[in-house]
Amino acid sequence: MRRREAEHPFYRPLWIRGCMTGVLVVWTALEWANDAPFWGIMTSAAAVWAIWTFFLAYDPNAAGKPAGAEADASGEGTAATDTETSEGK
């Protein structure tokens, strides 16, 4: 999942992010309890990724905004064309 997909408005409510992460943590515990180290490692990685993405690096203010919304509002990040020079104005 790309970073922009993790900022989809669906993930904005805390309870959705908590439920998704909780399911992964429970699934991880079940895999380790059933002596399945391969799947335990795989689900552990998914759970760590979910914790990082949905809680540590999550920006609730960015959820629901289109990509580049800040750059368009401030005028930064847009390339000047040949007709948009300071000398020609």
Protein backbone atom coordinates (compact mmCIF):
# COMPACT_ATOMS: atom_id res chain seq x y z
CA MET A 1 0.00 0.00 0.00
CA ARG A 2 1.43 3.32 -1.03
CA ARG A 3 1.45 6.14 1.48
CA ARG A 4 -1.40 7.95 -0.27
CA GLU A 5 -3.59 4.87 0.03
CA ALA A 6 -3.01 4.78 3.79
CA GLU A 7 -4.33 8.34 3.99
CA HIS A 8 -7.66 7.43 2.40
CA PRO A 9 -10.65 8.90 4.29
CA PHE A 10 -11.79 5.35 5.13
CA TYR A 11 -8.87 5.07 7.59
CA ARG A 12 -9.56 8.39 9.33
CA PRO A 13 -11.67 6.98 12.23
CA LEU A 14 -9.45 5.64 14.99
CA TRP A 15 -11.69 2.62 15.61
CA ILE A 16 -11.21 1.36 12.03
CA ARG A 17 -7.43 1.61 12.28
CA GLY A 18 -7.56 -0.01 15.72
CA CYS A 19 -9.73 -2.91 14.56
CA MET A 20 -7.56 -3.61 11.53
CA THR A 21 -4.40 -3.57 13.62
CA GLY A 22 -6.03 -5.62 16.37
CA VAL A 23 -7.05 -8.33 13.91
CA LEU A 24 -3.46 -8.56 12.70
CA VAL A 25 -2.09 -8.76 16.25
CA VAL A 26 -4.55 -11.52 17.20
CA TRP A 27 -3.81 -13.38 13.98
CA THR A 28 -0.08 -13.11 14.74
CA ALA A 29 -0.60 -14.54 18.22
CA LEU A 30 -2.60 -17.45 16.80
CA GLU A 31 0.08 -18.28 14.26
CA TRP A 32 2.83 -18.30 16.90
CA ALA A 33 0.64 -20.32 19.29
CA ASN A 34 0.04 -22.94 16.58
CA ASP A 35 3.79 -23.36 15.95
CA ALA A 36 3.71 -21.85 12.48
CA PRO A 37 6.89 -19.75 12.41
CA PHE A 38 6.69 -18.80 8.72
CA TRP A 39 3.17 -17.39 9.04
CA GLY A 40 4.05 -15.97 12.44
CA ILE A 41 6.83 -13.94 10.86
CA MET A 42 4.62 -12.86 7.97
CA THR A 43 1.76 -11.72 10.20
CA SER A 44 4.20 -10.10 12.64
CA ALA A 45 5.59 -8.02 9.78
CA ALA A 46 2.06 -7.04 8.72
CA ALA A 47 1.15 -6.09 12.30
CA VAL A 48 4.29 -3.98 12.72
CA TRP A 49 3.58 -2.29 9.37
CA ALA A 50 -0.01 -1.55 10.46
CA ILE A 51 1.14 -0.08 13.77
CA TRP A 52 3.67 2.11 11.97
CA THR A 53 1.32 3.19 9.17
CA PHE A 54 -1.90 3.71 11.13
CA PHE A 55 -0.56 5.10 14.42
CA LEU A 56 3.05 6.30 14.34
CA ALA A 57 3.30 7.85 10.88
CA TYR A 58 -0.40 8.57 10.33
CA ASP A 59 -1.32 12.18 9.64
CA PRO A 60 -5.05 12.67 10.24
CA ASN A 61 -4.90 16.12 8.64
CA ALA A 62 -3.73 14.63 5.33
CA ALA A 63 -6.56 12.09 5.16
CA GLY A 64 -9.06 13.00 2.50
CA LYS A 65 -7.01 15.74 0.86
CA PRO A 66 -5.98 15.29 -2.74
CA ALA A 67 -2.29 14.78 -3.41
CA GLY A 68 -0.48 18.10 -3.75
CA ALA A 69 -3.23 20.17 -2.15
CA GLU A 70 -0.74 22.10 -0.02
CA ALA A 71 1.52 22.87 -2.98
CA ASP A 72 -1.38 24.20 -5.07
CA ALA A 73 -2.66 26.43 -2.28
CA SER A 74 0.67 28.10 -1.63
CA GLY A 75 1.81 28.30 -5.25
CA GLU A 76 4.92 26.27 -4.50
CA GLY A 77 5.77 23.13 -6.37
CA THR A 78 4.41 24.31 -9.70
CA ALA A 79 6.82 24.65 -12.60
CA ALA A 80 6.99 27.96 -14.40
CA THR A 81 6.37 27.87 -18.11
CA ASP A 82 8.32 29.86 -20.69
CA THR A 83 5.74 32.64 -20.60
CA GLU A 84 5.84 32.96 -16.80
CA THR A 85 9.11 34.75 -16.20
CA SER A 86 9.75 37.69 -13.95
CA GLU A 87 11.43 39.63 -16.77
CA GLY A 88 8.51 39.35 -19.14
CA LYS A 89 5.97 40.95 -16.80
